[in-house]
Amino acid sequence: MDDSLPSPGEPRREDQHRTPSPSTLLPKTQPSGFYGKHRLAAAISNLQNQINYLQEELDQLEEIGEASIVCKELISSVESIPDPLLPLSKGPTNINWDRWFKGAQNSRKRWI
């Protein structure tokens, strides 16, 4: 046999002396396809929308006055308008209505 030809399991001499390139040291990854790029673009777009939304909220918060001033204005406006469901008089207008809400005063007036 000729010593110049390497056997099938033995590396060639030129491979032994060559330094590996940086691209061969990196792990091989599959090229990202259209769907991978689309998912990344959608995720970036979603994050950008969230950033814009939060920025708008921060801008609105900077424009709002102090909470105590706003609360005082709200309380004064609510107290100035009478509630339509509450009666204006302090006592019952019709005394007969009062008996429906008090309940039975003695056991003889019960139906059973």
PDB file of N, CA and C in Angstrom:
ATOM      1  N   MET A   1       0.825  -1.188   0.000  1.00  0.00           N
ATOM      2  CA  MET A   1       0.000   0.000   0.000  1.00  0.00           C
ATOM      3  C   MET A   1       0.867   1.247   0.000  1.00  0.00           C
ATOM      4  N   ASP A   2       0.314   2.281  -0.573  1.00  0.00           N
ATOM      5  CA  ASP A   2       1.050   3.538  -0.657  1.00  0.00           C
ATOM      6  C   ASP A   2       0.759   4.367   0.589  1.00  0.00           C
ATOM      7  N   ASP A   3       1.811   4.885   1.241  1.00  0.00           N
ATOM      8  CA  ASP A   3       1.640   5.669   2.461  1.00  0.00           C
ATOM      9  C   ASP A   3       1.104   7.063   2.172  1.00  0.00           C
ATOM     10  N   SER A   4       1.155   7.537   0.961  1.00  0.00           N
ATOM     11  CA  SER A   4       0.693   8.882   0.651  1.00  0.00           C
ATOM     12  C   SER A   4      -0.827   8.974   0.644  1.00  0.00           C
ATOM     13  N   LEU A   5      -1.520   7.878   0.410  1.00  0.00           N
ATOM     14  CA  LEU A   5      -2.992   7.885   0.415  1.00  0.00           C
ATOM     15  C   LEU A   5      -3.497   7.492   1.798  1.00  0.00           C
ATOM     16  N   PRO A   6      -4.338   8.309   2.414  1.00  0.00           N
ATOM     17  CA  PRO A   6      -4.841   7.952   3.750  1.00  0.00           C
ATOM     18  C   PRO A   6      -5.908   6.874   3.636  1.00  0.00           C
ATOM     19  N   SER A   7      -6.032   6.123   4.684  1.00  0.00           N
ATOM     20  CA  SER A   7      -7.085   5.110   4.716  1.00  0.00           C
ATOM     21  C   SER A   7      -8.420   5.809   4.944  1.00  0.00           C
ATOM     22  N   PRO A   8      -9.553   5.136   4.687  1.00  0.00           N
ATOM     23  CA  PRO A   8     -10.857   5.796   4.800  1.00  0.00           C
ATOM     24  C   PRO A   8     -11.157   6.327   6.195  1.00  0.00           C
ATOM     25  N   GLY A   9     -10.727   5.741   7.265  1.00  0.00           N
ATOM     26  CA  GLY A   9     -11.025   6.206   8.609  1.00  0.00           C
ATOM     27  C   GLY A   9     -10.040   7.240   9.122  1.00  0.00           C
ATOM     28  N   GLU A  10      -8.951   7.460   8.395  1.00  0.00           N
ATOM     29  CA  GLU A  10      -7.892   8.349   8.831  1.00  0.00           C
ATOM     30  C   GLU A  10      -8.048   9.713   8.150  1.00  0.00           C
ATOM     31  N   PRO A  11      -7.917  10.838   8.880  1.00  0.00           N
ATOM     32  CA  PRO A  11      -8.049  12.148   8.242  1.00  0.00           C
ATOM     33  C   PRO A  11      -6.867  12.432   7.333  1.00  0.00           C
ATOM     34  N   ARG A  12      -7.115  13.260   6.332  1.00  0.00           N
ATOM     35  CA  ARG A  12      -6.045  13.621   5.412  1.00  0.00           C
ATOM     36  C   ARG A  12      -5.046  14.530   6.120  1.00  0.00           C
ATOM     37  N   ARG A  13      -3.816  14.546   5.607  1.00  0.00           N
ATOM     38  CA  ARG A  13      -2.760  15.331   6.234  1.00  0.00           C
ATOM     39  C   ARG A  13      -3.047  16.819   6.142  1.00  0.00           C
ATOM     40  N   GLU A  14      -3.614  17.267   5.066  1.00  0.00           N
ATOM     41  CA  GLU A  14      -3.874  18.696   4.919  1.00  0.00           C
ATOM     42  C   GLU A  14      -4.977  19.153   5.871  1.00  0.00           C
ATOM     43  N   ASP A  15      -5.900  18.252   6.244  1.00  0.00           N
ATOM     44  CA  ASP A  15      -6.942  18.584   7.211  1.00  0.00           C
ATOM     45  C   ASP A  15      -6.363  18.714   8.614  1.00  0.00           C
ATOM     46  N   GLN A  16      -5.292  17.978   8.895  1.00  0.00           N
ATOM     47  CA  GLN A  16      -4.696  18.016  10.221  1.00  0.00           C
ATOM     48  C   GLN A  16      -3.988  19.339  10.479  1.00  0.00           C
ATOM     49  N   HIS A  17      -3.436  19.958   9.456  1.00  0.00           N
ATOM     50  CA  HIS A  17      -2.646  21.166   9.625  1.00  0.00           C
ATOM     51  C   HIS A  17      -3.472  22.438   9.457  1.00  0.00           C
ATOM     52  N   ARG A  18      -4.667  22.339   8.942  1.00  0.00           N
ATOM     53  CA  ARG A  18      -5.485  23.517   8.676  1.00  0.00           C
ATOM     54  C   ARG A  18      -6.222  23.927   9.955  1.00  0.00           C
ATOM     55  N   THR A  19      -6.260  25.242  10.250  1.00  0.00           N
ATOM     56  CA  THR A  19      -6.994  25.739  11.417  1.00  0.00           C
ATOM     57  C   THR A  19      -8.460  25.905  11.026  1.00  0.00           C
ATOM     58  N   PRO A  20      -9.353  25.584  11.932  1.00  0.00           N
ATOM     59  CA  PRO A  20     -10.775  25.703  11.585  1.00  0.00           C
ATOM     60  C   PRO A  20     -11.183  27.166  11.464  1.00  0.00           C
ATOM     61  N   SER A  21     -12.053  27.444  10.516  1.00  0.00           N
ATOM     62  CA  SER A  21     -12.542  28.812  10.316  1.00  0.00           C
ATOM     63  C   SER A  21     -13.622  29.118  11.354  1.00  0.00           C
ATOM     64  N   PRO A  22     -13.881  30.395  11.624  1.00  0.00           N
ATOM     65  CA  PRO A  22     -14.894  30.750  12.628  1.00  0.00           C
ATOM     66  C   PRO A  22     -16.288  30.236  12.270  1.00  0.00           C
ATOM     67  N   SER A  23     -16.579  30.127  10.990  1.00  0.00           N
ATOM     68  CA  SER A  23     -17.912  29.654  10.605  1.00  0.00           C
ATOM     69  C   SER A  23     -18.096  28.181  10.921  1.00  0.00           C
ATOM     70  N   THR A  24     -17.014  27.403  10.943  1.00  0.00           N
ATOM     71  CA  THR A  24     -17.142  25.987  11.267  1.00  0.00           C
ATOM     72  C   THR A  24     -17.261  25.769  12.765  1.00  0.00           C
ATOM     73  N   LEU A  25     -16.832  26.750  13.572  1.00  0.00           N
ATOM     74  CA  LEU A  25     -16.937  26.615  15.022  1.00  0.00           C
ATOM     75  C   LEU A  25     -18.342  26.908  15.529  1.00  0.00           C
ATOM     76  N   LEU A  26     -19.120  27.693  14.790  1.00  0.00           N
ATOM     77  CA  LEU A  26     -20.479  28.032  15.206  1.00  0.00           C
ATOM     78  C   LEU A  26     -21.404  26.848  14.983  1.00  0.00           C
ATOM     79  N   PRO A  27     -22.401  26.672  15.842  1.00  0.00           N
ATOM     80  CA  PRO A  27     -23.341  25.571  15.625  1.00  0.00           C
ATOM     81  C   PRO A  27     -24.175  25.833  14.375  1.00  0.00           C
ATOM     82  N   LYS A  28     -24.465  24.772  13.697  1.00  0.00           N
ATOM     83  CA  LYS A  28     -25.262  24.884  12.477  1.00  0.00           C
ATOM     84  C   LYS A  28     -26.726  25.089  12.859  1.00  0.00           C
ATOM     85  N   THR A  29     -27.320  26.103  12.288  1.00  0.00           N
ATOM     86  CA  THR A  29     -28.747  26.358  12.499  1.00  0.00           C
ATOM     87  C   THR A  29     -29.439  26.321  11.162  1.00  0.00           C
ATOM     88  N   GLN A  30     -30.676  25.939  11.201  1.00  0.00           N
ATOM     89  CA  GLN A  30     -31.433  25.912   9.959  1.00  0.00           C
ATOM     90  C   GLN A  30     -31.808  27.332   9.594  1.00  0.00           C
ATOM     91  N   PRO A  31     -31.805  27.642   8.326  1.00  0.00           N
ATOM     92  CA  PRO A  31     -32.201  28.998   7.932  1.00  0.00           C
ATOM     93  C   PRO A  31     -33.665  29.232   8.272  1.00  0.00           C
ATOM     94  N   SER A  32     -33.942  30.414   8.814  1.00  0.00           N
ATOM     95  CA  SER A  32     -35.326  30.703   9.188  1.00  0.00           C
ATOM     96  C   SER A  32     -36.131  30.933   7.925  1.00  0.00           C
ATOM     97  N   GLY A  33     -37.295  30.369   7.911  1.00  0.00           N
ATOM     98  CA  GLY A  33     -38.153  30.485   6.746  1.00  0.00           C
ATOM     99  C   GLY A  33     -39.056  31.689   6.846  1.00  0.00           C
ATOM    100  N   PHE A  34     -40.012  31.737   5.958  1.00  0.00           N
ATOM    101  CA  PHE A  34     -40.953  32.851   5.900  1.00  0.00           C
ATOM    102  C   PHE A  34     -41.774  32.938   7.173  1.00  0.00           C
ATOM    103  N   TYR A  35     -42.222  31.790   7.693  1.00  0.00           N
ATOM    104  CA  TYR A  35     -43.076  31.806   8.878  1.00  0.00           C
ATOM    105  C   TYR A  35     -42.321  32.297  10.102  1.00  0.00           C
ATOM    106  N   GLY A  36     -41.054  31.934  10.221  1.00  0.00           N
ATOM    107  CA  GLY A  36     -40.263  32.412  11.345  1.00  0.00           C
ATOM    108  C   GLY A  36     -40.065  33.916  11.296  1.00  0.00           C
ATOM    109  N   LYS A  37     -39.801  34.437  10.117  1.00  0.00           N
ATOM    110  CA  LYS A  37     -39.632  35.882   9.966  1.00  0.00           C
ATOM    111  C   LYS A  37     -40.948  36.605  10.214  1.00  0.00           C
ATOM    112  N   HIS A  38     -42.033  36.004   9.752  1.00  0.00           N
ATOM    113  CA  HIS A  38     -43.350  36.623   9.946  1.00  0.00           C
ATOM    114  C   HIS A  38     -43.712  36.660  11.422  1.00  0.00           C
ATOM    115  N   ARG A  39     -43.401  35.582  12.148  1.00  0.00           N
ATOM    116  CA  ARG A  39     -43.689  35.558  13.595  1.00  0.00           C
ATOM    117  C   ARG A  39     -42.876  36.619  14.329  1.00  0.00           C
ATOM    118  N   LEU A  40     -41.613  36.746  13.957  1.00  0.00           N
ATOM    119  CA  LEU A  40     -40.781  37.768  14.594  1.00  0.00           C
ATOM    120  C   LEU A  40     -41.301  39.166  14.284  1.00  0.00           C
ATOM    121  N   ALA A  41     -41.695  39.390  13.037  1.00  0.00           N
ATOM    122  CA  ALA A  41     -42.222  40.703  12.663  1.00  0.00           C
ATOM    123  C   ALA A  41     -43.521  40.992  13.402  1.00  0.00           C
ATOM    124  N   ALA A  42     -44.374  39.969  13.561  1.00  0.00           N
ATOM    125  CA  ALA A  42     -45.632  40.152  14.287  1.00  0.00           C
ATOM    126  C   ALA A  42     -45.367  40.431  15.764  1.00  0.00           C
ATOM    127  N   ALA A  43     -44.403  39.738  16.356  1.00  0.00           N
ATOM    128  CA  ALA A  43     -44.076  39.963  17.769  1.00  0.00           C
ATOM    129  C   ALA A  43     -43.512  41.366  17.970  1.00  0.00           C
ATOM    130  N   ILE A  44     -42.654  41.801  17.052  1.00  0.00           N
ATOM    131  CA  ILE A  44     -42.096  43.157  17.150  1.00  0.00           C
ATOM    132  C   ILE A  44     -43.192  44.194  16.990  1.00  0.00           C
ATOM    133  N   SER A  45     -44.099  43.953  16.051  1.00  0.00           N
ATOM    134  CA  SER A  45     -45.215  44.880  15.843  1.00  0.00           C
ATOM    135  C   SER A  45     -46.106  44.950  17.080  1.00  0.00           C
ATOM    136  N   ASN A  46     -46.359  43.802  17.699  1.00  0.00           N
ATOM    137  CA  ASN A  46     -47.182  43.757  18.909  1.00  0.00           C
ATOM    138  C   ASN A  46     -46.511  44.533  20.042  1.00  0.00           C
ATOM    139  N   LEU A  47     -45.220  44.340  20.211  1.00  0.00           N
ATOM    140  CA  LEU A  47     -44.495  45.071  21.257  1.00  0.00           C
ATOM    141  C   LEU A  47     -44.491  46.570  20.979  1.00  0.00           C
ATOM    142  N   GLN A  48     -44.361  46.950  19.719  1.00  0.00           N
ATOM    143  CA  GLN A  48     -44.375  48.368  19.365  1.00  0.00           C
ATOM    144  C   GLN A  48     -45.741  48.983  19.669  1.00  0.00           C
ATOM    145  N   ASN A  49     -46.822  48.226  19.400  1.00  0.00           N
ATOM    146  CA  ASN A  49     -48.171  48.713  19.719  1.00  0.00           C
ATOM    147  C   ASN A  49     -48.340  48.905  21.222  1.00  0.00           C
ATOM    148  N   GLN A  50     -47.823  47.967  22.015  1.00  0.00           N
ATOM    149  CA  GLN A  50     -47.920  48.089  23.469  1.00  0.00           C
ATOM    150  C   GLN A  50     -47.123  49.290  23.971  1.00  0.00           C
ATOM    151  N   ILE A  51     -45.961  49.522  23.393  1.00  0.00           N
ATOM    152  CA  ILE A  51     -45.149  50.678  23.784  1.00  0.00           C
ATOM    153  C   ILE A  51     -45.893  51.968  23.473  1.00  0.00           C
ATOM    154  N   ASN A  52     -46.500  52.043  22.283  1.00  0.00           N
ATOM    155  CA  ASN A  52     -47.249  53.246  21.903  1.00  0.00           C
ATOM    156  C   ASN A  52     -48.433  53.476  22.833  1.00  0.00           C
ATOM    157  N   TYR A  53     -49.135  52.393  23.196  1.00  0.00           N
ATOM    158  CA  TYR A  53     -50.290  52.502  24.083  1.00  0.00           C
ATOM    159  C   TYR A  53     -49.863  53.016  25.456  1.00  0.00           C
ATOM    160  N   LEU A  54     -48.781  52.462  25.993  1.00  0.00           N
ATOM    161  CA  LEU A  54     -48.298  52.901  27.303  1.00  0.00           C
ATOM    162  C   LEU A  54     -47.804  54.343  27.259  1.00  0.00           C
ATOM    163  N   GLN A  55     -47.199  54.736  26.151  1.00  0.00           N
ATOM    164  CA  GLN A  55     -46.728  56.113  26.019  1.00  0.00           C
ATOM    165  C   GLN A  55     -47.909  57.079  26.000  1.00  0.00           C
ATOM    166  N   GLU A  56     -49.003  56.698  25.308  1.00  0.00           N
ATOM    167  CA  GLU A  56     -50.202  57.542  25.288  1.00  0.00           C
ATOM    168  C   GLU A  56     -50.794  57.681  26.687  1.00  0.00           C
ATOM    169  N   GLU A  57     -50.818  56.577  27.449  1.00  0.00           N
ATOM    170  CA  GLU A  57     -51.342  56.638  28.818  1.00  0.00           C
ATOM    171  C   GLU A  57     -50.479  57.548  29.693  1.00  0.00           C
ATOM    172  N   LEU A  58     -49.172  57.454  29.546  1.00  0.00           N
ATOM    173  CA  LEU A  58     -48.287  58.322  30.325  1.00  0.00           C
ATOM    174  C   LEU A  58     -48.499  59.788  29.972  1.00  0.00           C
ATOM    175  N   ASP A  59     -48.690  60.071  28.685  1.00  0.00           N
ATOM    176  CA  ASP A  59     -48.946  61.451  28.269  1.00  0.00           C
ATOM    177  C   ASP A  59     -50.253  61.971  28.862  1.00  0.00           C
ATOM    178  N   GLN A  60     -51.286  61.117  28.902  1.00  0.00           N
ATOM    179  CA  GLN A  60     -52.571  61.526  29.476  1.00  0.00           C
ATOM    180  C   GLN A  60     -52.441  61.759  30.978  1.00  0.00           C
ATOM    181  N   LEU A  61     -51.668  60.927  31.661  1.00  0.00           N
ATOM    182  CA  LEU A  61     -51.487  61.096  33.107  1.00  0.00           C
ATOM    183  C   LEU A  61     -50.763  62.396  33.434  1.00  0.00           C
ATOM    184  N   GLU A  62     -49.865  62.813  32.568  1.00  0.00           N
ATOM    185  CA  GLU A  62     -49.155  64.068  32.808  1.00  0.00           C
ATOM    186  C   GLU A  62     -50.086  65.264  32.673  1.00  0.00           C
ATOM    187  N   GLU A  63     -51.127  65.149  31.833  1.00  0.00           N
ATOM    188  CA  GLU A  63     -52.059  66.253  31.619  1.00  0.00           C
ATOM    189  C   GLU A  63     -53.105  66.364  32.724  1.00  0.00           C
ATOM    190  N   ILE A  64     -53.382  65.276  33.427  1.00  0.00           N
ATOM    191  CA  ILE A  64     -54.413  65.273  34.470  1.00  0.00           C
ATOM    192  C   ILE A  64     -53.880  66.005  35.697  1.00  0.00           C
ATOM    193  N   GLY A  65     -54.772  66.781  36.329  1.00  0.00           N
ATOM    194  CA  GLY A  65     -54.392  67.492  37.545  1.00  0.00           C
ATOM    195  C   GLY A  65     -54.286  66.542  38.719  1.00  0.00           C
ATOM    196  N   GLU A  66     -54.078  67.124  39.879  1.00  0.00           N
ATOM    197  CA  GLU A  66     -53.970  66.307  41.080  1.00  0.00           C
ATOM    198  C   GLU A  66     -55.293  65.617  41.373  1.00  0.00           C
ATOM    199  N   ALA A  67     -55.220  64.454  41.974  1.00  0.00           N
ATOM    200  CA  ALA A  67     -56.422  63.673  42.243  1.00  0.00           C
ATOM    201  C   ALA A  67     -57.320  64.366  43.257  1.00  0.00           C
ATOM    202  N   SER A  68     -56.761  65.050  44.237  1.00  0.00           N
ATOM    203  CA  SER A  68     -57.588  65.685  45.262  1.00  0.00           C
ATOM    204  C   SER A  68     -58.443  66.801  44.663  1.00  0.00           C
ATOM    205  N   ILE A  69     -57.890  67.537  43.711  1.00  0.00           N
ATOM    206  CA  ILE A  69     -58.659  68.607  43.068  1.00  0.00           C
ATOM    207  C   ILE A  69     -59.802  68.012  42.257  1.00  0.00           C
ATOM    208  N   VAL A  70     -59.514  66.946  41.527  1.00  0.00           N
ATOM    209  CA  VAL A  70     -60.540  66.296  40.713  1.00  0.00           C
ATOM    210  C   VAL A  70     -61.624  65.705  41.606  1.00  0.00           C
ATOM    211  N   CYS A  71     -61.237  65.089  42.720  1.00  0.00           N
ATOM    212  CA  CYS A  71     -62.224  64.499  43.635  1.00  0.00           C
ATOM    213  C   CYS A  71     -63.121  65.576  44.243  1.00  0.00           C
ATOM    214  N   LYS A  72     -62.541  66.703  44.627  1.00  0.00           N
ATOM    215  CA  LYS A  72     -63.347  67.788  45.199  1.00  0.00           C
ATOM    216  C   LYS A  72     -64.364  68.300  44.190  1.00  0.00           C
ATOM    217  N   GLU A  73     -63.951  68.441  42.935  1.00  0.00           N
ATOM    218  CA  GLU A  73     -64.878  68.895  41.899  1.00  0.00           C
ATOM    219  C   GLU A  73     -65.988  67.875  41.671  1.00  0.00           C
ATOM    220  N   LEU A  74     -65.651  66.598  41.683  1.00  0.00           N
ATOM    221  CA  LEU A  74     -66.649  65.550  41.481  1.00  0.00           C
ATOM    222  C   LEU A  74     -67.645  65.523  42.629  1.00  0.00           C
ATOM    223  N   ILE A  75     -67.168  65.601  43.855  1.00  0.00           N
ATOM    224  CA  ILE A  75     -68.064  65.573  45.014  1.00  0.00           C
ATOM    225  C   ILE A  75     -68.998  66.770  45.003  1.00  0.00           C
ATOM    226  N   SER A  76     -68.483  67.933  44.698  1.00  0.00           N
ATOM    227  CA  SER A  76     -69.346  69.121  44.689  1.00  0.00           C
ATOM    228  C   SER A  76     -70.396  69.039  43.587  1.00  0.00           C
ATOM    229  N   SER A  77     -70.045  68.472  42.437  1.00  0.00           N
ATOM    230  CA  SER A  77     -71.041  68.364  41.364  1.00  0.00           C
ATOM    231  C   SER A  77     -72.084  67.299  41.677  1.00  0.00           C
ATOM    232  N   VAL A  78     -71.691  66.217  42.333  1.00  0.00           N
ATOM    233  CA  VAL A  78     -72.648  65.161  42.682  1.00  0.00           C
ATOM    234  C   VAL A  78     -73.580  65.628  43.790  1.00  0.00           C
ATOM    235  N   GLU A  79     -73.062  66.336  44.774  1.00  0.00           N
ATOM    236  CA  GLU A  79     -73.890  66.797  45.884  1.00  0.00           C
ATOM    237  C   GLU A  79     -74.861  67.886  45.466  1.00  0.00           C
ATOM    238  N   SER A  80     -74.546  68.628  44.438  1.00  0.00           N
ATOM    239  CA  SER A  80     -75.430  69.727  44.027  1.00  0.00           C
ATOM    240  C   SER A  80     -76.668  69.234  43.276  1.00  0.00           C
ATOM    241  N   ILE A  81     -76.630  68.042  42.706  1.00  0.00           N
ATOM    242  CA  ILE A  81     -77.771  67.498  41.956  1.00  0.00           C
ATOM    243  C   ILE A  81     -78.527  66.538  42.868  1.00  0.00           C
ATOM    244  N   PRO A  82     -79.840  66.753  43.084  1.00  0.00           N
ATOM    245  CA  PRO A  82     -80.597  65.836  43.938  1.00  0.00           C
ATOM    246  C   PRO A  82     -80.804  64.489  43.245  1.00  0.00           C
ATOM    247  N   ASP A  83     -80.820  63.433  44.041  1.00  0.00           N
ATOM    248  CA  ASP A  83     -81.027  62.084  43.518  1.00  0.00           C
ATOM    249  C   ASP A  83     -82.499  61.903  43.202  1.00  0.00           C
ATOM    250  N   PRO A  84     -82.868  61.532  41.975  1.00  0.00           N
ATOM    251  CA  PRO A  84     -84.284  61.385  41.621  1.00  0.00           C
ATOM    252  C   PRO A  84     -84.958  60.201  42.312  1.00  0.00           C
ATOM    253  N   LEU A  85     -84.193  59.251  42.820  1.00  0.00           N
ATOM    254  CA  LEU A  85     -84.793  58.086  43.466  1.00  0.00           C
ATOM    255  C   LEU A  85     -85.032  58.293  44.958  1.00  0.00           C
ATOM    256  N   LEU A  86     -84.453  59.320  45.536  1.00  0.00           N
ATOM    257  CA  LEU A  86     -84.659  59.592  46.954  1.00  0.00           C
ATOM    258  C   LEU A  86     -85.752  60.640  47.121  1.00  0.00           C
ATOM    259  N   PRO A  87     -86.625  60.461  48.129  1.00  0.00           N
ATOM    260  CA  PRO A  87     -87.686  61.457  48.342  1.00  0.00           C
ATOM    261  C   PRO A  87     -87.107  62.767  48.873  1.00  0.00           C
ATOM    262  N   LEU A  88     -87.796  63.858  48.564  1.00  0.00           N
ATOM    263  CA  LEU A  88     -87.341  65.164  49.027  1.00  0.00           C
ATOM    264  C   LEU A  88     -87.731  65.413  50.474  1.00  0.00           C
ATOM    265  N   SER A  89     -88.839  64.797  50.930  1.00  0.00           N
ATOM    266  CA  SER A  89     -89.282  65.001  52.311  1.00  0.00           C
ATOM    267  C   SER A  89     -88.560  64.026  53.231  1.00  0.00           C
ATOM    268  N   LYS A  90     -88.465  64.395  54.499  1.00  0.00           N
ATOM    269  CA  LYS A  90     -87.763  63.569  55.475  1.00  0.00           C
ATOM    270  C   LYS A  90     -88.624  62.408  55.968  1.00  0.00           C
ATOM    271  N   GLY A  91     -89.905  62.612  56.126  1.00  0.00           N
ATOM    272  CA  GLY A  91     -90.779  61.574  56.646  1.00  0.00           C
ATOM    273  C   GLY A  91     -91.651  60.988  55.551  1.00  0.00           C
ATOM    274  N   PRO A  92     -92.457  59.973  55.887  1.00  0.00           N
ATOM    275  CA  PRO A  92     -93.345  59.385  54.880  1.00  0.00           C
ATOM    276  C   PRO A  92     -94.473  60.350  54.519  1.00  0.00           C
ATOM    277  N   THR A  93     -94.775  60.456  53.232  1.00  0.00           N
ATOM    278  CA  THR A  93     -95.862  61.330  52.801  1.00  0.00           C
ATOM    279  C   THR A  93     -97.206  60.709  53.133  1.00  0.00           C
ATOM    280  N   ASN A  94     -97.286  59.416  53.111  1.00  0.00           N
ATOM    281  CA  ASN A  94     -98.511  58.710  53.438  1.00  0.00           C
ATOM    282  C   ASN A  94     -98.183  57.718  54.551  1.00  0.00           C
ATOM    283  N   ILE A  95     -98.843  57.849  55.676  1.00  0.00           N
ATOM    284  CA  ILE A  95     -98.553  57.004  56.836  1.00  0.00           C
ATOM    285  C   ILE A  95     -98.906  55.549  56.552  1.00  0.00           C
ATOM    286  N   ASN A  96     -99.880  55.304  55.697  1.00  0.00           N
ATOM    287  CA  ASN A  96    -100.254  53.925  55.371  1.00  0.00           C
ATOM    288  C   ASN A  96     -99.118  53.178  54.663  1.00  0.00           C
ATOM    289  N   TRP A  97     -98.283  53.887  53.951  1.00  0.00           N
ATOM    290  CA  TRP A  97     -97.138  53.246  53.300  1.00  0.00           C
ATOM    291  C   TRP A  97     -96.157  52.719  54.335  1.00  0.00           C
ATOM    292  N   ASP A  98     -96.063  53.366  55.444  1.00  0.00           N
ATOM    293  CA  ASP A  98     -95.105  53.007  56.473  1.00  0.00           C
ATOM    294  C   ASP A  98     -95.401  51.629  57.058  1.00  0.00           C
ATOM    295  N   ARG A  99     -96.657  51.238  57.109  1.00  0.00           N
ATOM    296  CA  ARG A  99     -97.008  49.945  57.708  1.00  0.00           C
ATOM    297  C   ARG A  99     -96.503  48.774  56.874  1.00  0.00           C
ATOM    298  N   TRP A 100     -96.325  48.950  55.583  1.00  0.00           N
ATOM    299  CA  TRP A 100     -95.838  47.866  54.731  1.00  0.00           C
ATOM    300  C   TRP A 100     -94.371  47.559  55.014  1.00  0.00           C
ATOM    301  N   PHE A 101     -93.628  48.529  55.444  1.00  0.00           N
ATOM    302  CA  PHE A 101     -92.196  48.343  55.641  1.00  0.00           C
ATOM    303  C   PHE A 101     -91.819  48.010  57.081  1.00  0.00           C
ATOM    304  N   LYS A 102     -92.726  48.242  58.035  1.00  0.00           N
ATOM    305  CA  LYS A 102     -92.423  47.954  59.438  1.00  0.00           C
ATOM    306  C   LYS A 102     -92.609  46.482  59.766  1.00  0.00           C
ATOM    307  N   GLY A 103     -93.512  45.795  59.115  1.00  0.00           N
ATOM    308  CA  GLY A 103     -93.794  44.407  59.447  1.00  0.00           C
ATOM    309  C   GLY A 103     -94.910  44.326  60.473  1.00  0.00           C
ATOM    310  N   ALA A 104     -95.247  43.116  60.875  1.00  0.00           N
ATOM    311  CA  ALA A 104     -96.341  42.904  61.828  1.00  0.00           C
ATOM    312  C   ALA A 104     -95.910  43.333  63.221  1.00  0.00           C
ATOM    313  N   GLN A 105     -96.782  44.099  63.907  1.00  0.00           N
ATOM    314  CA  GLN A 105     -96.473  44.581  65.251  1.00  0.00           C
ATOM    315  C   GLN A 105     -96.875  43.573  66.321  1.00  0.00           C
ATOM    316  N   ASN A 106     -97.959  42.842  66.090  1.00  0.00           N
ATOM    317  CA  ASN A 106     -98.308  41.781  67.039  1.00  0.00           C
ATOM    318  C   ASN A 106     -98.731  40.547  66.247  1.00  0.00           C
ATOM    319  N   SER A 107     -98.774  39.424  66.897  1.00  0.00           N
ATOM    320  CA  SER A 107     -98.994  38.160  66.202  1.00  0.00           C
ATOM    321  C   SER A 107    -100.425  37.995  65.710  1.00  0.00           C
ATOM    322  N   ARG A 108    -101.421  38.737  66.222  1.00  0.00           N
ATOM    323  CA  ARG A 108    -102.816  38.578  65.799  1.00  0.00           C
ATOM    324  C   ARG A 108    -103.051  39.100  64.378  1.00  0.00           C
ATOM    325  N   LYS A 109    -102.208  40.002  63.911  1.00  0.00           N
ATOM    326  CA  LYS A 109    -102.407  40.571  62.584  1.00  0.00           C
ATOM    327  C   LYS A 109    -101.774  39.717  61.482  1.00  0.00           C
ATOM    328  N   ARG A 110    -101.139  38.654  61.823  1.00  0.00           N
ATOM    329  CA  ARG A 110    -100.510  37.795  60.818  1.00  0.00           C
ATOM    330  C   ARG A 110    -101.557  36.963  60.114  1.00  0.00           C
ATOM    331  N   TRP A 111    -101.265  36.584  58.887  1.00  0.00           N
ATOM    332  CA  TRP A 111    -102.215  35.834  58.061  1.00  0.00           C
ATOM    333  C   TRP A 111    -102.285  34.373  58.450  1.00  0.00           C
ATOM    334  N   ILE A 112    -101.266  33.816  58.981  1.00  0.00           N
ATOM    335  CA  ILE A 112    -101.257  32.382  59.277  1.00  0.00           C
ATOM    336  C   ILE A 112    -101.761  32.108  60.665  1.00  0.00           C
TER     337      ILE A 112
END
